[in-house]
Amino acid sequence: GFVAAATLRETLEEMEVRHKFIWGMPEDPQTQKAISSYARVALARRRLRETRVGLFGYASLGIYTATFDAVSLRHKIGPEIHHLDQYLLIKRMEEVPAGEADAIADELNREWKLGPNVTRAELVKAGRMAAAIRGLAAENHLDAVNIKCHYELSEVYQFTACVPISILSKDIVCSCEGDMFASMSQLMLHFLTGNQTVYGDIHEVFPPDRLTFACCGFNPVGMCDPNCRMISRWASDFQGLMNSSPYQTDQRVTLARMAAKGEEYKLHLTTGKTVKTFNWHEINCPPPPATDVILDDDAVWFAQNIASNHYAMVYGDVRQEMIELCDLLGVRVVATQKC
């Protein structure tokens, strides 16, 4: 048995086949566990190759690290990027039947707390946007969407996509600000865990082991604290509704961010546990969905290797699986070796 396995391992290496060498008897529980874990990793790689991402607009706010090469991304990571425009979304919103938009508004009114000045008309508009995105995703066979909100939606159209994608995240992976590397990181975490994923800003890093994580107004419904699902109205220069629900506390999480320079891809990775954050918010805005994370790694190490402002997060510790998935993809990992 092992003699043949040893020959095969070297043969695979010489043929440049990316693999993990696992050996043991079929009935051994540890062998079964190792194979099962790596099967999830291999399946995640295959699913990435079959994924279509709908990109509405492109990178927001001049974020260079959100820009990408579609051909390189397709070749290296797998997903096909299907580009659409925000005007198509707005046009489709106008075509959504009133009953469909009302049904979503009724659900929001029934299952969420509403902040001051949130109106029925705004809930219906959120319902129209959610229905339009869902319809476009189905028609274009999309597994994920990324919508550029600032400033075309948040200021010009005066209605953000925060609440619509928060509720659609239970069905497809959602992101915004046109950050495709955030979407790639979310897809990897989603395929390994089966859980809803989010991206957010790293707002502060506190040595020795703490950081503050928040998205401006987006939080998947499955990641919200079920005791405090809150919809607020935007203030300041942005208009529309935002999801103000905090994340669940005491959750093991994985945070990751992909980046690329030409054909050289890397993934920065850490794990930790969510805890209640301090009472903060952006100027003139309601509190965003936020959490602090107590890191397994050194906070200074994390900050010194930070790959951008946006990081993907998922409930669950899949550090080792992410490392193995990156090995299959040929992506360099920036992480400490903790399992």
C-alpha atoms as a PDB file:
ATOM      1  CA  GLY A   1       0.000   0.000   0.000  1.00  0.00           C
ATOM      2  CA  PHE A   2       2.386   2.744   1.122  1.00  0.00           C
ATOM      3  CA  VAL A   3       5.044   1.702  -1.422  1.00  0.00           C
ATOM      4  CA  ALA A   4       2.606   2.399  -4.255  1.00  0.00           C
ATOM      5  CA  ALA A   5       1.393   5.606  -2.583  1.00  0.00           C
ATOM      6  CA  ALA A   6       4.948   6.912  -2.295  1.00  0.00           C
ATOM      7  CA  THR A   7       5.527   6.325  -5.999  1.00  0.00           C
ATOM      8  CA  LEU A   8       2.293   8.084  -6.890  1.00  0.00           C
ATOM      9  CA  ARG A   9       3.047  11.102  -4.689  1.00  0.00           C
ATOM     10  CA  GLU A  10       6.327  11.871  -6.459  1.00  0.00           C
ATOM     11  CA  THR A  11       4.787  11.187  -9.867  1.00  0.00           C
ATOM     12  CA  LEU A  12       2.030  13.714  -9.193  1.00  0.00           C
ATOM     13  CA  GLU A  13       4.606  16.287  -8.098  1.00  0.00           C
ATOM     14  CA  GLU A  14       6.717  15.779 -11.220  1.00  0.00           C
ATOM     15  CA  MET A  15       3.594  16.130 -13.371  1.00  0.00           C
ATOM     16  CA  GLU A  16       2.818  19.382 -11.511  1.00  0.00           C
ATOM     17  CA  VAL A  17      -0.542  18.100 -10.267  1.00  0.00           C
ATOM     18  CA  ARG A  18      -1.523  20.087  -7.178  1.00  0.00           C
ATOM     19  CA  HIS A  19      -2.658  17.658  -4.505  1.00  0.00           C
ATOM     20  CA  LYS A  20      -2.524  16.752  -0.830  1.00  0.00           C
ATOM     21  CA  PHE A  21      -0.816  13.498   0.133  1.00  0.00           C
ATOM     22  CA  ILE A  22      -3.104  11.532   2.486  1.00  0.00           C
ATOM     23  CA  TRP A  23      -2.388   7.926   3.455  1.00  0.00           C
ATOM     24  CA  GLY A  24      -3.955   5.387   5.764  1.00  0.00           C
ATOM     25  CA  MET A  25      -6.363   2.462   5.865  1.00  0.00           C
ATOM     26  CA  PRO A  26      -9.905   3.111   4.541  1.00  0.00           C
ATOM     27  CA  GLU A  27     -11.527   2.274   7.888  1.00  0.00           C
ATOM     28  CA  ASP A  28      -9.257   4.625   9.885  1.00  0.00           C
ATOM     29  CA  PRO A  29     -11.370   7.583  11.228  1.00  0.00           C
ATOM     30  CA  GLN A  30      -8.466  10.018  10.906  1.00  0.00           C
ATOM     31  CA  THR A  31      -7.941   9.036   7.283  1.00  0.00           C
ATOM     32  CA  GLN A  32     -11.651   9.433   6.590  1.00  0.00           C
ATOM     33  CA  LYS A  33     -11.642  12.863   8.275  1.00  0.00           C
ATOM     34  CA  ALA A  34      -8.651  14.031   6.238  1.00  0.00           C
ATOM     35  CA  ILE A  35     -10.199  12.863   2.965  1.00  0.00           C
ATOM     36  CA  SER A  36     -13.545  14.447   3.814  1.00  0.00           C
ATOM     37  CA  SER A  37     -11.899  17.776   4.631  1.00  0.00           C
ATOM     38  CA  TYR A  38      -9.836  17.818   1.452  1.00  0.00           C
ATOM     39  CA  ALA A  39     -12.853  16.784  -0.621  1.00  0.00           C
ATOM     40  CA  ARG A  40     -14.551  20.012   0.514  1.00  0.00           C
ATOM     41  CA  VAL A  41     -11.468  21.947  -0.557  1.00  0.00           C
ATOM     42  CA  ALA A  42     -11.374  20.260  -3.975  1.00  0.00           C
ATOM     43  CA  LEU A  43     -15.110  20.833  -4.436  1.00  0.00           C
ATOM     44  CA  ALA A  44     -14.663  24.520  -3.566  1.00  0.00           C
ATOM     45  CA  ARG A  45     -12.036  24.808  -6.298  1.00  0.00           C
ATOM     46  CA  ARG A  46     -14.366  23.160  -8.814  1.00  0.00           C
ATOM     47  CA  ARG A  47     -17.282  25.403  -7.803  1.00  0.00           C
ATOM     48  CA  LEU A  48     -15.096  28.478  -8.297  1.00  0.00           C
ATOM     49  CA  ARG A  49     -14.513  27.321 -11.875  1.00  0.00           C
ATOM     50  CA  GLU A  50     -18.263  27.094 -12.434  1.00  0.00           C
ATOM     51  CA  THR A  51     -19.210  30.402 -10.789  1.00  0.00           C
ATOM     52  CA  ARG A  52     -20.646  33.461 -12.533  1.00  0.00           C
ATOM     53  CA  VAL A  53     -20.446  36.822 -10.769  1.00  0.00           C
ATOM     54  CA  GLY A  54     -22.618  39.753 -11.839  1.00  0.00           C
ATOM     55  CA  LEU A  55     -20.749  43.045 -11.518  1.00  0.00           C
ATOM     56  CA  PHE A  56     -22.974  46.145 -11.596  1.00  0.00           C
ATOM     57  CA  GLY A  57     -20.684  49.074 -12.358  1.00  0.00           C
ATOM     58  CA  TYR A  58     -17.044  48.869 -11.287  1.00  0.00           C
ATOM     59  CA  ALA A  59     -14.774  49.830  -8.408  1.00  0.00           C
ATOM     60  CA  SER A  60     -16.009  52.603  -6.113  1.00  0.00           C
ATOM     61  CA  LEU A  61     -14.197  55.511  -4.516  1.00  0.00           C
ATOM     62  CA  GLY A  62     -10.956  55.100  -6.454  1.00  0.00           C
ATOM     63  CA  ILE A  63     -10.019  51.911  -4.577  1.00  0.00           C
ATOM     64  CA  TYR A  64      -7.086  50.612  -6.651  1.00  0.00           C
ATOM     65  CA  THR A  65      -7.041  47.311  -4.752  1.00  0.00           C
ATOM     66  CA  ALA A  66     -10.607  46.618  -5.940  1.00  0.00           C
ATOM     67  CA  THR A  67      -9.619  46.660  -9.628  1.00  0.00           C
ATOM     68  CA  PHE A  68      -8.882  43.384 -11.393  1.00  0.00           C
ATOM     69  CA  ASP A  69      -7.962  41.683 -14.674  1.00  0.00           C
ATOM     70  CA  ALA A  70     -10.968  39.592 -15.744  1.00  0.00           C
ATOM     71  CA  VAL A  71      -8.919  37.239 -17.933  1.00  0.00           C
ATOM     72  CA  SER A  72      -6.302  36.655 -15.253  1.00  0.00           C
ATOM     73  CA  LEU A  73      -8.984  36.123 -12.604  1.00  0.00           C
ATOM     74  CA  ARG A  74     -10.789  33.602 -14.803  1.00  0.00           C
ATOM     75  CA  HIS A  75      -7.545  31.745 -15.515  1.00  0.00           C
ATOM     76  CA  LYS A  76      -6.155  31.773 -11.987  1.00  0.00           C
ATOM     77  CA  ILE A  77      -9.191  31.576  -9.677  1.00  0.00           C
ATOM     78  CA  GLY A  78     -12.040  30.484 -11.924  1.00  0.00           C
ATOM     79  CA  PRO A  79     -15.140  32.712 -11.863  1.00  0.00           C
ATOM     80  CA  GLU A  80     -16.578  34.304 -14.982  1.00  0.00           C
ATOM     81  CA  ILE A  81     -17.354  38.007 -14.466  1.00  0.00           C
ATOM     82  CA  HIS A  82     -20.569  39.106 -16.173  1.00  0.00           C
ATOM     83  CA  HIS A  83     -20.716  42.898 -16.353  1.00  0.00           C
ATOM     84  CA  LEU A  84     -23.975  44.829 -16.043  1.00  0.00           C
ATOM     85  CA  ASP A  85     -24.807  48.469 -15.363  1.00  0.00           C
ATOM     86  CA  GLN A  86     -26.691  50.229 -12.578  1.00  0.00           C
ATOM     87  CA  TYR A  87     -29.135  51.727 -15.076  1.00  0.00           C
ATOM     88  CA  LEU A  88     -30.283  48.232 -16.024  1.00  0.00           C
ATOM     89  CA  LEU A  89     -31.017  47.614 -12.342  1.00  0.00           C
ATOM     90  CA  ILE A  90     -33.010  50.856 -12.053  1.00  0.00           C
ATOM     91  CA  LYS A  91     -34.965  50.095 -15.232  1.00  0.00           C
ATOM     92  CA  ARG A  92     -35.830  46.620 -13.930  1.00  0.00           C
ATOM     93  CA  MET A  93     -36.962  48.085 -10.622  1.00  0.00           C
ATOM     94  CA  GLU A  94     -39.580  50.087 -12.543  1.00  0.00           C
ATOM     95  CA  GLU A  95     -40.899  46.846 -14.049  1.00  0.00           C
ATOM     96  CA  VAL A  96     -41.300  44.898 -10.776  1.00  0.00           C
ATOM     97  CA  PRO A  97     -44.992  44.119 -10.072  1.00  0.00           C
ATOM     98  CA  ALA A  98     -46.379  46.070  -7.124  1.00  0.00           C
ATOM     99  CA  GLY A  99     -47.472  42.893  -5.337  1.00  0.00           C
ATOM    100  CA  GLU A 100     -43.938  41.434  -5.392  1.00  0.00           C
ATOM    101  CA  ALA A 101     -42.402  44.602  -3.946  1.00  0.00           C
ATOM    102  CA  ASP A 102     -45.169  44.867  -1.326  1.00  0.00           C
ATOM    103  CA  ALA A 103     -44.597  41.282  -0.193  1.00  0.00           C
ATOM    104  CA  ILE A 104     -40.920  41.984   0.508  1.00  0.00           C
ATOM    105  CA  ALA A 105     -41.825  45.234   2.280  1.00  0.00           C
ATOM    106  CA  ASP A 106     -44.322  43.332   4.454  1.00  0.00           C
ATOM    107  CA  GLU A 107     -41.601  40.819   5.381  1.00  0.00           C
ATOM    108  CA  LEU A 108     -39.188  43.603   6.338  1.00  0.00           C
ATOM    109  CA  ASN A 109     -41.857  45.354   8.400  1.00  0.00           C
ATOM    110  CA  ARG A 110     -42.781  42.103  10.146  1.00  0.00           C
ATOM    111  CA  GLU A 111     -39.335  40.676  10.909  1.00  0.00           C
ATOM    112  CA  TRP A 112     -37.143  43.764  11.403  1.00  0.00           C
ATOM    113  CA  LYS A 113     -37.086  46.703  13.786  1.00  0.00           C
ATOM    114  CA  LEU A 114     -37.412  50.012  11.975  1.00  0.00           C
ATOM    115  CA  GLY A 115     -35.444  53.083  12.882  1.00  0.00           C
ATOM    116  CA  PRO A 116     -36.833  56.614  13.093  1.00  0.00           C
ATOM    117  CA  ASN A 117     -38.308  58.028   9.881  1.00  0.00           C
ATOM    118  CA  VAL A 118     -38.150  54.757   7.915  1.00  0.00           C
ATOM    119  CA  THR A 119     -41.215  54.919   5.674  1.00  0.00           C
ATOM    120  CA  ARG A 120     -43.395  52.350   3.959  1.00  0.00           C
ATOM    121  CA  ALA A 121     -42.434  53.856   0.593  1.00  0.00           C
ATOM    122  CA  GLU A 122     -38.742  53.191   1.315  1.00  0.00           C
ATOM    123  CA  LEU A 123     -39.451  49.580   2.304  1.00  0.00           C
ATOM    124  CA  VAL A 124     -41.347  49.093  -0.958  1.00  0.00           C
ATOM    125  CA  LYS A 125     -38.447  50.613  -2.897  1.00  0.00           C
ATOM    126  CA  ALA A 126     -36.079  48.179  -1.163  1.00  0.00           C
ATOM    127  CA  GLY A 127     -38.453  45.402  -2.165  1.00  0.00           C
ATOM    128  CA  ARG A 128     -38.370  46.557  -5.785  1.00  0.00           C
ATOM    129  CA  MET A 129     -34.581  46.592  -5.816  1.00  0.00           C
ATOM    130  CA  ALA A 130     -34.324  43.155  -4.183  1.00  0.00           C
ATOM    131  CA  ALA A 131     -36.796  41.685  -6.688  1.00  0.00           C
ATOM    132  CA  ALA A 132     -34.961  43.296  -9.616  1.00  0.00           C
ATOM    133  CA  ILE A 133     -31.569  41.966  -8.504  1.00  0.00           C
ATOM    134  CA  ARG A 134     -33.050  38.504  -7.926  1.00  0.00           C
ATOM    135  CA  GLY A 135     -34.598  38.503 -11.394  1.00  0.00           C
ATOM    136  CA  LEU A 136     -31.415  39.638 -13.130  1.00  0.00           C
ATOM    137  CA  ALA A 137     -29.392  37.048 -11.212  1.00  0.00           C
ATOM    138  CA  ALA A 138     -31.738  34.270 -12.328  1.00  0.00           C
ATOM    139  CA  GLU A 139     -31.792  35.395 -15.969  1.00  0.00           C
ATOM    140  CA  ASN A 140     -28.006  35.637 -16.167  1.00  0.00           C
ATOM    141  CA  HIS A 141     -27.306  32.472 -14.134  1.00  0.00           C
ATOM    142  CA  LEU A 142     -25.402  34.408 -11.475  1.00  0.00           C
ATOM    143  CA  ASP A 143     -24.061  32.771  -8.312  1.00  0.00           C
ATOM    144  CA  ALA A 144     -22.963  36.110  -6.833  1.00  0.00           C
ATOM    145  CA  VAL A 145     -23.478  39.832  -7.370  1.00  0.00           C
ATOM    146  CA  ASN A 146     -21.346  42.866  -6.628  1.00  0.00           C
ATOM    147  CA  ILE A 147     -23.026  46.270  -6.915  1.00  0.00           C
ATOM    148  CA  LYS A 148     -21.247  49.616  -7.115  1.00  0.00           C
ATOM    149  CA  CYS A 149     -23.295  51.811  -4.815  1.00  0.00           C
ATOM    150  CA  HIS A 150     -21.178  54.957  -4.349  1.00  0.00           C
ATOM    151  CA  TYR A 151     -22.026  57.358  -5.769  1.00  0.00           C
ATOM    152  CA  GLU A 152     -24.441  56.391  -8.540  1.00  0.00           C
ATOM    153  CA  LEU A 153     -26.950  54.752  -6.189  1.00  0.00           C
ATOM    154  CA  SER A 154     -26.145  56.365  -2.839  1.00  0.00           C
ATOM    155  CA  GLU A 155     -26.141  60.001  -4.043  1.00  0.00           C
ATOM    156  CA  VAL A 156     -27.398  60.272  -7.646  1.00  0.00           C
ATOM    157  CA  TYR A 157     -30.269  57.758  -7.455  1.00  0.00           C
ATOM    158  CA  GLN A 158     -30.512  58.371  -3.692  1.00  0.00           C
ATOM    159  CA  PHE A 159     -31.217  54.787  -2.669  1.00  0.00           C
ATOM    160  CA  THR A 160     -28.540  52.319  -1.611  1.00  0.00           C
ATOM    161  CA  ALA A 161     -28.535  48.555  -2.151  1.00  0.00           C
ATOM    162  CA  CYS A 162     -27.701  47.746   1.501  1.00  0.00           C
ATOM    163  CA  VAL A 163     -31.029  46.246   2.600  1.00  0.00           C
ATOM    164  CA  PRO A 164     -31.813  44.424  -0.692  1.00  0.00           C
ATOM    165  CA  ILE A 165     -28.485  42.564  -0.752  1.00  0.00           C
ATOM    166  CA  SER A 166     -28.706  41.888   2.992  1.00  0.00           C
ATOM    167  CA  ILE A 167     -31.842  39.807   2.415  1.00  0.00           C
ATOM    168  CA  LEU A 168     -30.670  38.302  -0.899  1.00  0.00           C
ATOM    169  CA  SER A 169     -27.460  37.009   0.725  1.00  0.00           C
ATOM    170  CA  LYS A 170     -29.323  33.947   1.945  1.00  0.00           C
ATOM    171  CA  ASP A 171     -29.586  32.835  -1.697  1.00  0.00           C
ATOM    172  CA  ILE A 172     -26.483  34.218  -3.446  1.00  0.00           C
ATOM    173  CA  VAL A 173     -23.160  35.707  -2.362  1.00  0.00           C
ATOM    174  CA  CYS A 174     -23.467  39.513  -2.313  1.00  0.00           C
ATOM    175  CA  SER A 175     -20.913  42.311  -2.157  1.00  0.00           C
ATOM    176  CA  CYS A 176     -20.745  45.973  -3.076  1.00  0.00           C
ATOM    177  CA  GLU A 177     -18.395  48.835  -4.016  1.00  0.00           C
ATOM    178  CA  GLY A 178     -17.291  46.797  -7.042  1.00  0.00           C
ATOM    179  CA  ASP A 179     -14.508  45.098  -5.066  1.00  0.00           C
ATOM    180  CA  MET A 180     -14.054  41.836  -6.959  1.00  0.00           C
ATOM    181  CA  PHE A 181     -11.279  40.542  -4.715  1.00  0.00           C
ATOM    182  CA  ALA A 182     -13.654  40.884  -1.765  1.00  0.00           C
ATOM    183  CA  SER A 183     -16.163  38.809  -3.760  1.00  0.00           C
ATOM    184  CA  MET A 184     -13.528  36.156  -4.524  1.00  0.00           C
ATOM    185  CA  SER A 185     -12.612  35.903  -0.846  1.00  0.00           C
ATOM    186  CA  GLN A 186     -16.293  35.613   0.115  1.00  0.00           C
ATOM    187  CA  LEU A 187     -16.896  32.887  -2.474  1.00  0.00           C
ATOM    188  CA  MET A 188     -13.993  30.830  -1.153  1.00  0.00           C
ATOM    189  CA  LEU A 189     -15.283  31.106   2.421  1.00  0.00           C
ATOM    190  CA  HIS A 190     -18.849  30.335   1.332  1.00  0.00           C
ATOM    191  CA  PHE A 191     -17.923  27.236  -0.668  1.00  0.00           C
ATOM    192  CA  LEU A 192     -15.886  25.838   2.238  1.00  0.00           C
ATOM    193  CA  THR A 193     -18.535  26.445   4.920  1.00  0.00           C
ATOM    194  CA  GLY A 194     -21.892  26.692   3.175  1.00  0.00           C
ATOM    195  CA  ASN A 195     -22.531  29.785   5.325  1.00  0.00           C
ATOM    196  CA  GLN A 196     -23.513  33.306   4.343  1.00  0.00           C
ATOM    197  CA  THR A 197     -20.542  35.639   4.018  1.00  0.00           C
ATOM    198  CA  VAL A 198     -19.986  39.365   4.278  1.00  0.00           C
ATOM    199  CA  TYR A 199     -17.254  41.835   3.493  1.00  0.00           C
ATOM    200  CA  GLY A 200     -16.425  44.886   5.555  1.00  0.00           C
ATOM    201  CA  ASP A 201     -13.849  47.519   6.340  1.00  0.00           C
ATOM    202  CA  ILE A 202     -11.102  47.043   8.880  1.00  0.00           C
ATOM    203  CA  HIS A 203     -11.782  50.273  10.768  1.00  0.00           C
ATOM    204  CA  GLU A 204      -9.112  49.940  13.433  1.00  0.00           C
ATOM    205  CA  VAL A 205      -6.491  47.504  14.677  1.00  0.00           C
ATOM    206  CA  PHE A 206      -5.736  47.428  18.396  1.00  0.00           C
ATOM    207  CA  PRO A 207      -2.606  45.592  19.579  1.00  0.00           C
ATOM    208  CA  PRO A 208      -2.104  43.030  20.838  1.00  0.00           C
ATOM    209  CA  ASP A 209      -4.990  41.040  19.333  1.00  0.00           C
ATOM    210  CA  ARG A 210      -8.112  43.051  18.419  1.00  0.00           C
ATOM    211  CA  LEU A 211      -9.644  44.733  15.385  1.00  0.00           C
ATOM    212  CA  THR A 212     -12.918  46.488  14.518  1.00  0.00           C
ATOM    213  CA  PHE A 213     -14.811  45.182  11.466  1.00  0.00           C
ATOM    214  CA  ALA A 214     -17.844  46.866   9.874  1.00  0.00           C
ATOM    215  CA  CYS A 215     -19.600  47.288   6.549  1.00  0.00           C
ATOM    216  CA  CYS A 216     -21.213  50.673   5.940  1.00  0.00           C
ATOM    217  CA  GLY A 217     -24.764  49.294   5.679  1.00  0.00           C
ATOM    218  CA  PHE A 218     -24.745  45.659   4.509  1.00  0.00           C
ATOM    219  CA  ASN A 219     -25.053  42.576   6.710  1.00  0.00           C
ATOM    220  CA  PRO A 220     -26.446  39.221   5.463  1.00  0.00           C
ATOM    221  CA  VAL A 221     -29.610  38.311   7.321  1.00  0.00           C
ATOM    222  CA  GLY A 222     -28.055  35.057   8.557  1.00  0.00           C
ATOM    223  CA  MET A 223     -25.167  36.931  10.187  1.00  0.00           C
ATOM    224  CA  CYS A 224     -27.325  39.514  11.980  1.00  0.00           C
ATOM    225  CA  ASP A 225     -27.979  39.276  15.705  1.00  0.00           C
ATOM    226  CA  PRO A 226     -31.519  37.798  15.581  1.00  0.00           C
ATOM    227  CA  ASN A 227     -32.492  39.873  18.607  1.00  0.00           C
ATOM    228  CA  CYS A 228     -31.624  43.153  16.905  1.00  0.00           C
ATOM    229  CA  ARG A 229     -32.394  43.181  13.195  1.00  0.00           C
ATOM    230  CA  MET A 230     -32.526  46.897  12.554  1.00  0.00           C
ATOM    231  CA  ILE A 231     -33.188  48.928   9.403  1.00  0.00           C
ATOM    232  CA  SER A 232     -32.180  52.589   9.581  1.00  0.00           C
ATOM    233  CA  ARG A 233     -32.337  55.518   7.216  1.00  0.00           C
ATOM    234  CA  TRP A 234     -29.053  56.814   5.846  1.00  0.00           C
ATOM    235  CA  ALA A 235     -27.961  60.282   6.880  1.00  0.00           C
ATOM    236  CA  SER A 236     -25.084  62.509   5.659  1.00  0.00           C
ATOM    237  CA  ASP A 237     -24.601  62.482   1.869  1.00  0.00           C
ATOM    238  CA  PHE A 238     -25.942  58.946   1.291  1.00  0.00           C
ATOM    239  CA  GLN A 239     -29.652  58.300   0.903  1.00  0.00           C
ATOM    240  CA  GLY A 240     -31.887  55.255   1.273  1.00  0.00           C
ATOM    241  CA  LEU A 241     -31.933  52.502   3.864  1.00  0.00           C
ATOM    242  CA  MET A 242     -29.142  50.675   5.627  1.00  0.00           C
ATOM    243  CA  ASN A 243     -28.925  47.519   7.685  1.00  0.00           C
ATOM    244  CA  SER A 244     -27.826  48.542  11.196  1.00  0.00           C
ATOM    245  CA  SER A 245     -27.981  45.026  12.666  1.00  0.00           C
ATOM    246  CA  PRO A 246     -24.898  44.022  14.672  1.00  0.00           C
ATOM    247  CA  TYR A 247     -23.147  40.720  14.056  1.00  0.00           C
ATOM    248  CA  GLN A 248     -23.618  37.782  16.375  1.00  0.00           C
ATOM    249  CA  THR A 249     -21.098  37.664  19.225  1.00  0.00           C
ATOM    250  CA  ASP A 250     -19.002  34.726  20.446  1.00  0.00           C
ATOM    251  CA  GLN A 251     -18.705  33.330  16.919  1.00  0.00           C
ATOM    252  CA  ARG A 252     -15.535  31.764  15.582  1.00  0.00           C
ATOM    253  CA  VAL A 253     -14.771  33.577  12.320  1.00  0.00           C
ATOM    254  CA  THR A 254     -12.354  33.474   9.411  1.00  0.00           C
ATOM    255  CA  LEU A 255     -11.267  36.738   7.783  1.00  0.00           C
ATOM    256  CA  ALA A 256      -9.576  36.736   4.383  1.00  0.00           C
ATOM    257  CA  ARG A 257      -8.552  39.071   1.586  1.00  0.00           C
ATOM    258  CA  MET A 258      -7.281  38.170  -1.875  1.00  0.00           C
ATOM    259  CA  ALA A 259      -4.976  40.488  -3.798  1.00  0.00           C
ATOM    260  CA  ALA A 260      -3.034  40.287  -7.051  1.00  0.00           C
ATOM    261  CA  LYS A 261      -0.132  41.838  -8.884  1.00  0.00           C
ATOM    262  CA  GLY A 262      -0.301  40.572 -12.436  1.00  0.00           C
ATOM    263  CA  GLU A 263      -0.432  36.771 -12.288  1.00  0.00           C
ATOM    264  CA  GLU A 264       0.904  36.705  -8.725  1.00  0.00           C
ATOM    265  CA  TYR A 265      -2.053  36.167  -6.402  1.00  0.00           C
ATOM    266  CA  LYS A 266      -1.980  36.113  -2.612  1.00  0.00           C
ATOM    267  CA  LEU A 267      -4.457  35.678   0.212  1.00  0.00           C
ATOM    268  CA  HIS A 268      -4.084  37.260   3.656  1.00  0.00           C
ATOM    269  CA  LEU A 269      -5.798  35.155   6.283  1.00  0.00           C
ATOM    270  CA  THR A 270      -6.605  35.166   9.993  1.00  0.00           C
ATOM    271  CA  THR A 271      -9.124  33.737  12.462  1.00  0.00           C
ATOM    272  CA  GLY A 272     -10.668  34.871  15.718  1.00  0.00           C
ATOM    273  CA  LYS A 273     -13.833  35.329  17.771  1.00  0.00           C
ATOM    274  CA  THR A 274     -16.470  38.070  17.564  1.00  0.00           C
ATOM    275  CA  VAL A 275     -17.162  40.247  20.603  1.00  0.00           C
ATOM    276  CA  LYS A 276     -19.296  43.333  21.153  1.00  0.00           C
ATOM    277  CA  THR A 277     -17.717  46.463  19.738  1.00  0.00           C
ATOM    278  CA  PHE A 278     -17.651  49.884  21.348  1.00  0.00           C
ATOM    279  CA  ASN A 279     -20.359  52.440  20.522  1.00  0.00           C
ATOM    280  CA  TRP A 280     -19.097  54.141  17.371  1.00  0.00           C
ATOM    281  CA  HIS A 281     -20.397  55.267  13.997  1.00  0.00           C
ATOM    282  CA  GLU A 282     -19.310  57.242  10.961  1.00  0.00           C
ATOM    283  CA  ILE A 283     -20.006  60.994  11.099  1.00  0.00           C
ATOM    284  CA  ASN A 284     -23.734  61.833  10.832  1.00  0.00           C
ATOM    285  CA  CYS A 285     -24.654  58.171  10.197  1.00  0.00           C
ATOM    286  CA  PRO A 286     -26.554  55.569  12.227  1.00  0.00           C
ATOM    287  CA  PRO A 287     -24.473  52.759  13.765  1.00  0.00           C
ATOM    288  CA  PRO A 288     -23.337  50.340  11.048  1.00  0.00           C
ATOM    289  CA  PRO A 289     -23.307  46.531  11.301  1.00  0.00           C
ATOM    290  CA  ALA A 290     -20.109  46.042  13.268  1.00  0.00           C
ATOM    291  CA  THR A 291     -18.166  43.738  15.527  1.00  0.00           C
ATOM    292  CA  ASP A 292     -14.799  43.526  17.184  1.00  0.00           C
ATOM    293  CA  VAL A 293     -12.761  40.387  16.551  1.00  0.00           C
ATOM    294  CA  ILE A 294     -10.304  38.975  19.069  1.00  0.00           C
ATOM    295  CA  LEU A 295      -7.636  37.527  16.799  1.00  0.00           C
ATOM    296  CA  ASP A 296      -5.782  34.251  17.105  1.00  0.00           C
ATOM    297  CA  ASP A 297      -2.855  36.117  15.533  1.00  0.00           C
ATOM    298  CA  ASP A 298      -0.865  39.145  16.577  1.00  0.00           C
ATOM    299  CA  ALA A 299      -2.654  42.372  15.616  1.00  0.00           C
ATOM    300  CA  VAL A 300       0.584  44.088  14.601  1.00  0.00           C
ATOM    301  CA  TRP A 301       1.375  41.171  12.271  1.00  0.00           C
ATOM    302  CA  PHE A 302      -2.100  41.512  10.766  1.00  0.00           C
ATOM    303  CA  ALA A 303      -1.752  45.257  10.195  1.00  0.00           C
ATOM    304  CA  GLN A 304       1.730  44.950   8.727  1.00  0.00           C
ATOM    305  CA  ASN A 305       0.372  42.493   6.126  1.00  0.00           C
ATOM    306  CA  ILE A 306      -3.056  44.050   5.518  1.00  0.00           C
ATOM    307  CA  ALA A 307      -4.034  43.662   1.857  1.00  0.00           C
ATOM    308  CA  SER A 308      -6.697  46.396   1.573  1.00  0.00           C
ATOM    309  CA  ASN A 309      -9.502  48.053   3.523  1.00  0.00           C
ATOM    310  CA  HIS A 310     -12.072  45.324   2.679  1.00  0.00           C
ATOM    311  CA  TYR A 311     -11.960  41.809   4.162  1.00  0.00           C
ATOM    312  CA  ALA A 312     -14.374  38.915   3.767  1.00  0.00           C
ATOM    313  CA  MET A 313     -15.714  37.248   6.922  1.00  0.00           C
ATOM    314  CA  VAL A 314     -17.637  34.038   7.608  1.00  0.00           C
ATOM    315  CA  TYR A 315     -18.813  32.299  10.754  1.00  0.00           C
ATOM    316  CA  GLY A 316     -16.584  29.245  11.174  1.00  0.00           C
ATOM    317  CA  ASP A 317     -12.861  28.494  11.389  1.00  0.00           C
ATOM    318  CA  VAL A 318     -11.602  27.289   7.999  1.00  0.00           C
ATOM    319  CA  ARG A 319      -8.028  28.535   8.217  1.00  0.00           C
ATOM    320  CA  GLN A 320      -6.472  25.227   7.222  1.00  0.00           C
ATOM    321  CA  GLU A 321      -8.997  24.583   4.448  1.00  0.00           C
ATOM    322  CA  MET A 322      -8.336  28.058   3.007  1.00  0.00           C
ATOM    323  CA  ILE A 323      -4.594  27.356   3.013  1.00  0.00           C
ATOM    324  CA  GLU A 324      -5.164  24.083   1.169  1.00  0.00           C
ATOM    325  CA  LEU A 325      -7.548  25.710  -1.318  1.00  0.00           C
ATOM    326  CA  CYS A 326      -4.963  28.378  -2.076  1.00  0.00           C
ATOM    327  CA  ASP A 327      -2.385  25.651  -2.655  1.00  0.00           C
ATOM    328  CA  LEU A 328      -4.709  24.063  -5.230  1.00  0.00           C
ATOM    329  CA  LEU A 329      -5.206  27.438  -6.918  1.00  0.00           C
ATOM    330  CA  GLY A 330      -1.547  28.415  -6.874  1.00  0.00           C
ATOM    331  CA  VAL A 331      -2.220  31.388  -4.596  1.00  0.00           C
ATOM    332  CA  ARG A 332       0.425  32.464  -2.078  1.00  0.00           C
ATOM    333  CA  VAL A 333      -0.876  32.442   1.496  1.00  0.00           C
ATOM    334  CA  VAL A 334       0.025  35.111   4.037  1.00  0.00           C
ATOM    335  CA  ALA A 335      -0.919  33.441   7.325  1.00  0.00           C
ATOM    336  CA  THR A 336       0.563  32.000  10.473  1.00  0.00           C
ATOM    337  CA  GLN A 337       0.610  28.223  10.639  1.00  0.00           C
ATOM    338  CA  LYS A 338      -2.169  27.603  13.145  1.00  0.00           C
ATOM    339  CA  CYS A 339      -4.765  24.862  12.717  1.00  0.00           C
END
